[in-house]
Amino acid sequence: MYEKILVPLDGSKVAETVLANVEDLVIRMAPKTKIEVTLLQVISNLTYNVLTPEEEAQIPYSVAELKQIKQNTLEYLERVAAPLRDKSLDVKTIVTVGHAAEEIIKIAHQTGANVIAMSTHGYSGVKRWALGSVADKVLHSSDIPVFIVRAK
């Protein structure tokens, strides 16, 4: 049996809280089941704000800037993957660009993921409405099972 788990991360400690649960799940299923864990980060903001005396402007990143952002993101994922690999887990890393929820579901299909494992800030009410929730969008849009851990 071969299972694939997609773990979306956003670079925050909150997002990383799911990793302990994923690691525990993988260890419990081994050695009967070979499990591949894919760490994913979606680069979703492709502009930055510049304040001028008259107004604020959104400037798109240059090709070189985007390349550097992707490199930094990949280095982050590799740092996160290292302790998992030290425990003999099969870990891959992917960096992509786009809208987070849409990209997570797309990559889940492309990698053949059996489950998407992610954490949530656990916001509710106005805060959730104002900030949005990638986890909520993935949960309600995915045809692949979603395992959500509420960060403490």
C-alpha atoms as a PDB file:
ATOM      1  CA  MET A   1       0.000   0.000   0.000  1.00  0.00           C
ATOM      2  CA  TYR A   2       1.263   3.485  -0.887  1.00  0.00           C
ATOM      3  CA  GLU A   3      -0.208   6.683   0.494  1.00  0.00           C
ATOM      4  CA  LYS A   4       0.540  10.303  -0.294  1.00  0.00           C
ATOM      5  CA  ILE A   5      -0.010  13.198   2.087  1.00  0.00           C
ATOM      6  CA  LEU A   6       0.089  16.828   0.925  1.00  0.00           C
ATOM      7  CA  VAL A   7       1.041  19.311   3.651  1.00  0.00           C
ATOM      8  CA  PRO A   8       0.549  22.968   2.691  1.00  0.00           C
ATOM      9  CA  LEU A   9       2.690  25.392   4.707  1.00  0.00           C
ATOM     10  CA  ASP A  10       2.796  29.175   4.680  1.00  0.00           C
ATOM     11  CA  GLY A  11       6.057  29.752   6.538  1.00  0.00           C
ATOM     12  CA  SER A  12       4.385  30.277   9.914  1.00  0.00           C
ATOM     13  CA  LYS A  13       4.769  28.266  13.111  1.00  0.00           C
ATOM     14  CA  VAL A  14       0.979  27.908  13.131  1.00  0.00           C
ATOM     15  CA  ALA A  15       1.060  26.087   9.794  1.00  0.00           C
ATOM     16  CA  GLU A  16       3.902  23.865  10.994  1.00  0.00           C
ATOM     17  CA  THR A  17       1.844  22.540  13.930  1.00  0.00           C
ATOM     18  CA  VAL A  18       0.336  19.943  11.610  1.00  0.00           C
ATOM     19  CA  LEU A  19       3.758  18.332  11.078  1.00  0.00           C
ATOM     20  CA  ALA A  20       3.788  16.536  14.448  1.00  0.00           C
ATOM     21  CA  ASN A  21       0.432  14.959  13.603  1.00  0.00           C
ATOM     22  CA  VAL A  22       1.599  13.954  10.132  1.00  0.00           C
ATOM     23  CA  GLU A  23       4.785  12.459  11.567  1.00  0.00           C
ATOM     24  CA  ASP A  24       2.775  10.508  14.154  1.00  0.00           C
ATOM     25  CA  LEU A  25       0.410   9.230  11.462  1.00  0.00           C
ATOM     26  CA  VAL A  26       3.272   8.106   9.234  1.00  0.00           C
ATOM     27  CA  ILE A  27       5.059   6.327  12.073  1.00  0.00           C
ATOM     28  CA  ARG A  28       1.845   4.512  13.091  1.00  0.00           C
ATOM     29  CA  MET A  29       1.213   3.310   9.546  1.00  0.00           C
ATOM     30  CA  ALA A  30       4.797   2.163   8.886  1.00  0.00           C
ATOM     31  CA  PRO A  31       6.139  -0.302   7.913  1.00  0.00           C
ATOM     32  CA  LYS A  32       2.960  -1.799   6.414  1.00  0.00           C
ATOM     33  CA  THR A  33       2.293   1.316   4.356  1.00  0.00           C
ATOM     34  CA  LYS A  34       4.818   3.366   2.424  1.00  0.00           C
ATOM     35  CA  ILE A  35       3.951   7.017   2.793  1.00  0.00           C
ATOM     36  CA  GLU A  36       5.180   9.981   0.794  1.00  0.00           C
ATOM     37  CA  VAL A  37       4.816  13.414   2.361  1.00  0.00           C
ATOM     38  CA  THR A  38       4.862  16.449   0.074  1.00  0.00           C
ATOM     39  CA  LEU A  39       5.444  19.844   1.651  1.00  0.00           C
ATOM     40  CA  LEU A  40       3.905  22.629  -0.424  1.00  0.00           C
ATOM     41  CA  GLN A  41       4.116  26.380  -0.194  1.00  0.00           C
ATOM     42  CA  VAL A  42       2.105  28.635  -2.464  1.00  0.00           C
ATOM     43  CA  ILE A  43       3.466  32.081  -3.238  1.00  0.00           C
ATOM     44  CA  SER A  44       0.264  34.048  -3.574  1.00  0.00           C
ATOM     45  CA  ASN A  45       1.098  37.745  -3.289  1.00  0.00           C
ATOM     46  CA  LEU A  46       2.883  38.706  -6.479  1.00  0.00           C
ATOM     47  CA  THR A  47       3.005  42.428  -5.772  1.00  0.00           C
ATOM     48  CA  TYR A  48       4.358  44.689  -3.078  1.00  0.00           C
ATOM     49  CA  ASN A  49       3.114  48.077  -1.958  1.00  0.00           C
ATOM     50  CA  VAL A  50       5.090  51.271  -2.520  1.00  0.00           C
ATOM     51  CA  LEU A  51       4.111  54.498  -0.803  1.00  0.00           C
ATOM     52  CA  THR A  52       4.546  57.649  -2.794  1.00  0.00           C
ATOM     53  CA  PRO A  53       3.747  61.215  -1.672  1.00  0.00           C
ATOM     54  CA  GLU A  54       0.492  61.070  -3.628  1.00  0.00           C
ATOM     55  CA  GLU A  55      -0.743  57.512  -3.158  1.00  0.00           C
ATOM     56  CA  GLU A  56       0.047  53.881  -2.616  1.00  0.00           C
ATOM     57  CA  ALA A  57       0.926  51.741  -5.621  1.00  0.00           C
ATOM     58  CA  GLN A  58       1.136  47.993  -6.064  1.00  0.00           C
ATOM     59  CA  ILE A  59       4.224  46.987  -8.007  1.00  0.00           C
ATOM     60  CA  PRO A  60       4.650  43.474  -9.418  1.00  0.00           C
ATOM     61  CA  TYR A  61       7.784  41.575  -8.491  1.00  0.00           C
ATOM     62  CA  SER A  62      10.408  41.390 -11.217  1.00  0.00           C
ATOM     63  CA  VAL A  63      11.452  38.036 -12.656  1.00  0.00           C
ATOM     64  CA  ALA A  64      14.645  38.174 -10.573  1.00  0.00           C
ATOM     65  CA  GLU A  65      12.730  39.035  -7.383  1.00  0.00           C
ATOM     66  CA  LEU A  66      10.231  36.222  -7.959  1.00  0.00           C
ATOM     67  CA  LYS A  67      13.096  33.798  -8.599  1.00  0.00           C
ATOM     68  CA  GLN A  68      14.684  34.832  -5.280  1.00  0.00           C
ATOM     69  CA  ILE A  69      11.357  34.458  -3.429  1.00  0.00           C
ATOM     70  CA  LYS A  70      10.946  30.965  -4.879  1.00  0.00           C
ATOM     71  CA  GLN A  71      14.514  30.068  -3.851  1.00  0.00           C
ATOM     72  CA  ASN A  72      13.963  31.351  -0.292  1.00  0.00           C
ATOM     73  CA  THR A  73      10.700  29.436  -0.093  1.00  0.00           C
ATOM     74  CA  LEU A  74      12.323  26.224  -1.299  1.00  0.00           C
ATOM     75  CA  GLU A  75      15.113  26.644   1.266  1.00  0.00           C
ATOM     76  CA  TYR A  76      12.478  27.055   3.995  1.00  0.00           C
ATOM     77  CA  LEU A  77      10.682  23.872   2.903  1.00  0.00           C
ATOM     78  CA  GLU A  78      13.964  21.961   2.810  1.00  0.00           C
ATOM     79  CA  ARG A  79      14.736  23.113   6.395  1.00  0.00           C
ATOM     80  CA  VAL A  80      11.319  21.901   7.500  1.00  0.00           C
ATOM     81  CA  ALA A  81      11.760  18.617   5.613  1.00  0.00           C
ATOM     82  CA  ALA A  82      15.185  17.822   7.098  1.00  0.00           C
ATOM     83  CA  PRO A  83      14.005  16.604  10.543  1.00  0.00           C
ATOM     84  CA  LEU A  84      11.346  14.457   8.871  1.00  0.00           C
ATOM     85  CA  ARG A  85      13.895  12.945   6.518  1.00  0.00           C
ATOM     86  CA  ASP A  86      16.176  12.299   9.518  1.00  0.00           C
ATOM     87  CA  LYS A  87      13.380  10.020  10.771  1.00  0.00           C
ATOM     88  CA  SER A  88      13.431   8.150   7.439  1.00  0.00           C
ATOM     89  CA  LEU A  89      10.269   9.734   6.072  1.00  0.00           C
ATOM     90  CA  ASP A  90       9.975  10.117   2.304  1.00  0.00           C
ATOM     91  CA  VAL A  91       9.540  13.890   1.891  1.00  0.00           C
ATOM     92  CA  LYS A  92       9.269  15.963  -1.273  1.00  0.00           C
ATOM     93  CA  THR A  93       8.974  19.746  -1.568  1.00  0.00           C
ATOM     94  CA  ILE A  94       7.060  21.902  -4.044  1.00  0.00           C
ATOM     95  CA  VAL A  95       6.838  25.672  -4.492  1.00  0.00           C
ATOM     96  CA  THR A  96       4.119  27.072  -6.710  1.00  0.00           C
ATOM     97  CA  VAL A  97       2.563  30.447  -7.494  1.00  0.00           C
ATOM     98  CA  GLY A  98      -1.139  31.308  -7.445  1.00  0.00           C
ATOM     99  CA  HIS A  99      -4.170  31.491  -5.193  1.00  0.00           C
ATOM    100  CA  ALA A 100      -3.455  29.322  -2.155  1.00  0.00           C
ATOM    101  CA  ALA A 101      -6.615  27.203  -1.910  1.00  0.00           C
ATOM    102  CA  GLU A 102      -6.817  26.605  -5.663  1.00  0.00           C
ATOM    103  CA  GLU A 103      -3.134  25.673  -5.892  1.00  0.00           C
ATOM    104  CA  ILE A 104      -3.355  23.313  -2.907  1.00  0.00           C
ATOM    105  CA  ILE A 105      -6.191  21.373  -4.513  1.00  0.00           C
ATOM    106  CA  LYS A 106      -4.485  21.390  -7.927  1.00  0.00           C
ATOM    107  CA  ILE A 107      -1.187  20.100  -6.516  1.00  0.00           C
ATOM    108  CA  ALA A 108      -3.037  17.483  -4.460  1.00  0.00           C
ATOM    109  CA  HIS A 109      -4.461  16.093  -7.702  1.00  0.00           C
ATOM    110  CA  GLN A 110      -1.156  16.359  -9.578  1.00  0.00           C
ATOM    111  CA  THR A 111       0.731  14.470  -6.856  1.00  0.00           C
ATOM    112  CA  GLY A 112      -1.996  11.878  -6.384  1.00  0.00           C
ATOM    113  CA  ALA A 113      -2.443  12.841  -2.733  1.00  0.00           C
ATOM    114  CA  ASN A 114      -4.806  10.681  -0.697  1.00  0.00           C
ATOM    115  CA  VAL A 115      -5.176  13.364   1.983  1.00  0.00           C
ATOM    116  CA  ILE A 116      -4.404  17.042   2.507  1.00  0.00           C
ATOM    117  CA  ALA A 117      -3.128  17.724   6.034  1.00  0.00           C
ATOM    118  CA  MET A 118      -3.075  21.315   7.212  1.00  0.00           C
ATOM    119  CA  SER A 119      -3.462  23.477  10.260  1.00  0.00           C
ATOM    120  CA  THR A 120      -5.766  26.404  10.855  1.00  0.00           C
ATOM    121  CA  HIS A 121      -5.511  29.478  13.037  1.00  0.00           C
ATOM    122  CA  GLY A 122      -9.008  28.692  14.269  1.00  0.00           C
ATOM    123  CA  TYR A 123     -10.410  32.165  13.678  1.00  0.00           C
ATOM    124  CA  SER A 124     -14.156  32.636  13.802  1.00  0.00           C
ATOM    125  CA  GLY A 125     -16.642  35.416  13.270  1.00  0.00           C
ATOM    126  CA  VAL A 126     -15.448  38.773  11.966  1.00  0.00           C
ATOM    127  CA  LYS A 127     -11.760  37.847  12.159  1.00  0.00           C
ATOM    128  CA  ARG A 128     -12.351  34.831   9.892  1.00  0.00           C
ATOM    129  CA  TRP A 129     -14.417  36.915   7.492  1.00  0.00           C
ATOM    130  CA  ALA A 130     -11.793  39.680   7.389  1.00  0.00           C
ATOM    131  CA  LEU A 131      -8.742  37.440   7.046  1.00  0.00           C
ATOM    132  CA  GLY A 132     -10.295  34.597   5.068  1.00  0.00           C
ATOM    133  CA  SER A 133      -9.391  31.003   5.663  1.00  0.00           C
ATOM    134  CA  VAL A 134      -7.395  28.952   3.223  1.00  0.00           C
ATOM    135  CA  ALA A 135      -8.135  25.835   5.292  1.00  0.00           C
ATOM    136  CA  ASP A 136     -11.870  26.528   5.083  1.00  0.00           C
ATOM    137  CA  LYS A 137     -11.719  27.072   1.324  1.00  0.00           C
ATOM    138  CA  VAL A 138      -9.750  23.847   0.831  1.00  0.00           C
ATOM    139  CA  LEU A 139     -12.079  21.912   3.151  1.00  0.00           C
ATOM    140  CA  HIS A 140     -15.172  23.017   1.256  1.00  0.00           C
ATOM    141  CA  SER A 141     -13.713  22.786  -2.259  1.00  0.00           C
ATOM    142  CA  SER A 142     -11.621  19.617  -2.196  1.00  0.00           C
ATOM    143  CA  ASP A 143     -12.817  16.215  -3.305  1.00  0.00           C
ATOM    144  CA  ILE A 144      -9.765  14.787  -1.514  1.00  0.00           C
ATOM    145  CA  PRO A 145     -10.102  14.215   2.254  1.00  0.00           C
ATOM    146  CA  VAL A 146      -8.739  17.089   4.357  1.00  0.00           C
ATOM    147  CA  PHE A 147      -7.195  16.537   7.797  1.00  0.00           C
ATOM    148  CA  ILE A 148      -7.227  19.820   9.736  1.00  0.00           C
ATOM    149  CA  VAL A 149      -5.380  20.496  12.986  1.00  0.00           C
ATOM    150  CA  ARG A 150      -6.355  23.555  14.995  1.00  0.00           C
ATOM    151  CA  ALA A 151      -3.207  25.335  16.137  1.00  0.00           C
ATOM    152  CA  LYS A 152      -2.961  26.151  19.823  1.00  0.00           C
END
